[in-house]
N, C-alpha and C. Protein backbone atom coordinates (compact mmCIF):
# COMPACT_ATOMS: atom_id res chain seq x y z
N MET A 1 -2.86 -160.88 -70.42
CA MET A 1 -3.49 -161.96 -69.74
C MET A 1 -3.39 -163.21 -70.61
N MET A 2 -2.98 -164.32 -70.00
CA MET A 2 -2.91 -165.57 -70.75
C MET A 2 -4.31 -166.16 -70.92
N ILE A 3 -4.53 -166.73 -72.08
CA ILE A 3 -5.80 -167.39 -72.40
C ILE A 3 -5.51 -168.89 -72.52
N PRO A 4 -6.21 -169.72 -71.77
CA PRO A 4 -6.01 -171.17 -71.93
C PRO A 4 -6.45 -171.60 -73.33
N TRP A 5 -5.52 -172.05 -74.14
CA TRP A 5 -5.85 -172.42 -75.52
C TRP A 5 -6.85 -173.57 -75.55
N GLN A 6 -6.85 -174.39 -74.49
CA GLN A 6 -7.75 -175.54 -74.43
C GLN A 6 -9.22 -175.11 -74.35
N ASP A 7 -9.47 -173.87 -73.90
CA ASP A 7 -10.85 -173.39 -73.75
C ASP A 7 -11.46 -172.90 -75.06
N LEU A 8 -10.64 -172.75 -76.09
CA LEU A 8 -11.14 -172.25 -77.37
C LEU A 8 -11.67 -173.40 -78.23
N PRO A 9 -12.72 -173.12 -78.99
CA PRO A 9 -13.17 -174.14 -79.96
C PRO A 9 -12.03 -174.41 -80.96
N PRO A 10 -11.87 -175.66 -81.40
CA PRO A 10 -10.76 -176.01 -82.29
C PRO A 10 -10.66 -175.12 -83.53
N GLU A 11 -11.79 -174.77 -84.12
CA GLU A 11 -11.76 -173.94 -85.33
C GLU A 11 -11.23 -172.54 -85.02
N THR A 12 -11.61 -171.99 -83.88
CA THR A 12 -11.13 -170.67 -83.47
C THR A 12 -9.62 -170.71 -83.23
N LEU A 13 -9.17 -171.74 -82.55
CA LEU A 13 -7.73 -171.88 -82.29
C LEU A 13 -6.97 -171.98 -83.61
N ASP A 14 -7.45 -172.80 -84.52
CA ASP A 14 -6.78 -172.94 -85.82
C ASP A 14 -6.72 -171.60 -86.56
N ASN A 15 -7.82 -170.84 -86.52
CA ASN A 15 -7.84 -169.54 -87.18
C ASN A 15 -6.84 -168.57 -86.55
N LEU A 16 -6.75 -168.58 -85.22
CA LEU A 16 -5.78 -167.71 -84.54
C LEU A 16 -4.34 -168.10 -84.91
N ILE A 17 -4.09 -169.40 -84.95
CA ILE A 17 -2.73 -169.87 -85.29
C ILE A 17 -2.41 -169.52 -86.73
N GLU A 18 -3.35 -169.73 -87.65
CA GLU A 18 -3.10 -169.38 -89.06
C GLU A 18 -2.82 -167.89 -89.22
N SER A 19 -3.58 -167.06 -88.53
CA SER A 19 -3.36 -165.62 -88.57
C SER A 19 -1.97 -165.27 -88.05
N PHE A 20 -1.57 -165.92 -86.96
CA PHE A 20 -0.24 -165.70 -86.39
C PHE A 20 0.85 -166.10 -87.37
N VAL A 21 0.71 -167.27 -87.98
CA VAL A 21 1.71 -167.77 -88.93
C VAL A 21 1.84 -166.83 -90.12
N LEU A 22 0.72 -166.37 -90.65
CA LEU A 22 0.75 -165.45 -91.79
C LEU A 22 1.38 -164.11 -91.42
N ARG A 23 1.12 -163.65 -90.22
CA ARG A 23 1.64 -162.37 -89.74
C ARG A 23 3.13 -162.43 -89.47
N GLU A 24 3.61 -163.56 -88.99
CA GLU A 24 5.02 -163.69 -88.60
C GLU A 24 5.97 -163.67 -89.79
N GLY A 25 5.61 -164.30 -90.88
CA GLY A 25 6.49 -164.33 -92.04
C GLY A 25 7.85 -164.93 -91.74
N THR A 26 7.86 -165.94 -90.90
CA THR A 26 9.11 -166.56 -90.47
C THR A 26 9.79 -167.32 -91.59
N ASP A 27 11.09 -167.22 -91.66
CA ASP A 27 11.89 -167.96 -92.63
C ASP A 27 12.21 -169.33 -92.04
N TYR A 28 11.84 -170.37 -92.74
CA TYR A 28 12.06 -171.73 -92.25
C TYR A 28 13.28 -172.39 -92.90
N GLY A 29 14.15 -171.59 -93.48
CA GLY A 29 15.35 -172.14 -94.08
C GLY A 29 15.16 -172.53 -95.52
N GLU A 30 16.02 -173.44 -95.98
CA GLU A 30 16.00 -173.86 -97.38
C GLU A 30 14.71 -174.56 -97.77
N GLN A 31 14.17 -175.33 -96.84
CA GLN A 31 12.99 -176.13 -97.16
C GLN A 31 11.73 -175.40 -96.69
N GLU A 32 10.89 -175.04 -97.65
CA GLU A 32 9.64 -174.35 -97.32
C GLU A 32 8.67 -175.33 -96.67
N ARG A 33 7.90 -174.83 -95.71
CA ARG A 33 6.92 -175.67 -95.01
C ARG A 33 5.52 -175.21 -95.39
N SER A 34 4.59 -176.14 -95.43
CA SER A 34 3.21 -175.82 -95.77
C SER A 34 2.54 -175.11 -94.60
N MET A 35 1.43 -174.47 -94.90
CA MET A 35 0.65 -173.81 -93.84
C MET A 35 0.24 -174.83 -92.78
N GLU A 36 -0.16 -176.02 -93.21
CA GLU A 36 -0.58 -177.05 -92.27
C GLU A 36 0.56 -177.44 -91.33
N GLN A 37 1.77 -177.54 -91.88
CA GLN A 37 2.93 -177.88 -91.05
C GLN A 37 3.24 -176.78 -90.05
N LYS A 38 3.16 -175.54 -90.49
CA LYS A 38 3.43 -174.41 -89.60
C LYS A 38 2.39 -174.33 -88.49
N VAL A 39 1.12 -174.54 -88.85
CA VAL A 39 0.05 -174.53 -87.84
C VAL A 39 0.27 -175.67 -86.84
N ALA A 40 0.62 -176.84 -87.32
CA ALA A 40 0.88 -177.98 -86.44
C ALA A 40 2.05 -177.69 -85.50
N ASP A 41 3.08 -177.02 -85.99
CA ASP A 41 4.24 -176.67 -85.15
C ASP A 41 3.82 -175.74 -84.01
N VAL A 42 3.04 -174.72 -84.35
CA VAL A 42 2.61 -173.77 -83.32
C VAL A 42 1.67 -174.45 -82.33
N LYS A 43 0.78 -175.29 -82.83
CA LYS A 43 -0.14 -176.01 -81.94
C LYS A 43 0.65 -176.90 -80.97
N ARG A 44 1.67 -177.56 -81.48
CA ARG A 44 2.52 -178.41 -80.62
C ARG A 44 3.20 -177.56 -79.54
N GLN A 45 3.66 -176.37 -79.92
CA GLN A 45 4.31 -175.48 -78.95
C GLN A 45 3.33 -175.02 -77.87
N LEU A 46 2.08 -174.77 -78.25
CA LEU A 46 1.06 -174.42 -77.25
C LEU A 46 0.79 -175.61 -76.33
N GLN A 47 0.68 -176.80 -76.90
CA GLN A 47 0.39 -178.00 -76.11
C GLN A 47 1.52 -178.31 -75.13
N SER A 48 2.75 -178.08 -75.53
CA SER A 48 3.89 -178.39 -74.67
C SER A 48 4.17 -177.28 -73.66
N GLY A 49 3.55 -176.12 -73.85
CA GLY A 49 3.78 -175.01 -72.93
C GLY A 49 4.92 -174.10 -73.35
N GLU A 50 5.56 -174.40 -74.48
CA GLU A 50 6.64 -173.54 -74.98
C GLU A 50 6.10 -172.19 -75.41
N ALA A 51 4.85 -172.16 -75.89
CA ALA A 51 4.20 -170.94 -76.34
C ALA A 51 2.90 -170.74 -75.58
N VAL A 52 2.47 -169.50 -75.48
CA VAL A 52 1.22 -169.18 -74.79
C VAL A 52 0.38 -168.26 -75.66
N LEU A 53 -0.92 -168.31 -75.42
CA LEU A 53 -1.88 -167.45 -76.10
C LEU A 53 -2.16 -166.28 -75.15
N VAL A 54 -2.00 -165.05 -75.66
CA VAL A 54 -2.06 -163.88 -74.79
C VAL A 54 -3.04 -162.84 -75.34
N TRP A 55 -3.86 -162.30 -74.44
CA TRP A 55 -4.77 -161.20 -74.77
C TRP A 55 -4.15 -159.90 -74.27
N SER A 56 -4.04 -158.91 -75.15
CA SER A 56 -3.54 -157.59 -74.78
C SER A 56 -4.73 -156.65 -74.62
N GLU A 57 -4.99 -156.23 -73.39
CA GLU A 57 -6.07 -155.28 -73.16
C GLU A 57 -5.74 -153.94 -73.80
N LEU A 58 -4.49 -153.55 -73.77
CA LEU A 58 -4.06 -152.27 -74.34
C LEU A 58 -4.36 -152.20 -75.83
N HIS A 59 -3.99 -153.28 -76.57
CA HIS A 59 -4.17 -153.30 -78.02
C HIS A 59 -5.44 -154.02 -78.47
N GLU A 60 -6.12 -154.66 -77.51
CA GLU A 60 -7.30 -155.46 -77.79
C GLU A 60 -7.03 -156.49 -78.90
N THR A 61 -5.95 -157.22 -78.71
CA THR A 61 -5.54 -158.24 -79.68
C THR A 61 -5.15 -159.53 -78.96
N VAL A 62 -5.17 -160.61 -79.72
CA VAL A 62 -4.69 -161.90 -79.24
C VAL A 62 -3.39 -162.19 -79.97
N ASN A 63 -2.40 -162.69 -79.24
CA ASN A 63 -1.13 -163.01 -79.85
C ASN A 63 -0.62 -164.33 -79.29
N ILE A 64 0.32 -164.93 -79.99
CA ILE A 64 0.99 -166.14 -79.52
C ILE A 64 2.44 -165.76 -79.33
N MET A 65 2.98 -166.11 -78.17
CA MET A 65 4.38 -165.78 -77.91
C MET A 65 5.05 -166.87 -77.10
N ALA A 66 6.37 -166.86 -77.15
CA ALA A 66 7.14 -167.81 -76.36
C ALA A 66 6.86 -167.55 -74.89
N ARG A 67 6.73 -168.60 -74.10
CA ARG A 67 6.42 -168.46 -72.68
C ARG A 67 7.42 -167.53 -72.00
N GLY A 68 8.68 -167.61 -72.35
CA GLY A 68 9.71 -166.77 -71.73
C GLY A 68 9.56 -165.28 -72.04
N GLN A 69 8.84 -164.94 -73.09
CA GLN A 69 8.63 -163.54 -73.44
C GLN A 69 7.44 -162.93 -72.70
N PHE A 70 6.55 -163.76 -72.18
CA PHE A 70 5.34 -163.27 -71.55
C PHE A 70 5.65 -162.76 -70.14
N ARG A 71 5.25 -161.52 -69.91
CA ARG A 71 5.42 -160.93 -68.59
C ARG A 71 4.03 -160.46 -68.14
N GLY A 72 3.36 -161.29 -67.40
CA GLY A 72 2.00 -160.94 -67.01
C GLY A 72 1.68 -161.34 -65.68
């Protein structure tokens, strides 16, 4: 189930995004990016609709994924 990110308190959203960024361990190439930059990137993707916030009833977890990956 998709969760409207706009309905979350800003601090909760930031915590979810930080958790996602730490969990992903994504390689950003030669130039390392700060946590703040990574969080801002994910927040921008949520705002633009490229990414969505998803609740999994099966796993009882919240995740962030590309809109094209979400099948709900």
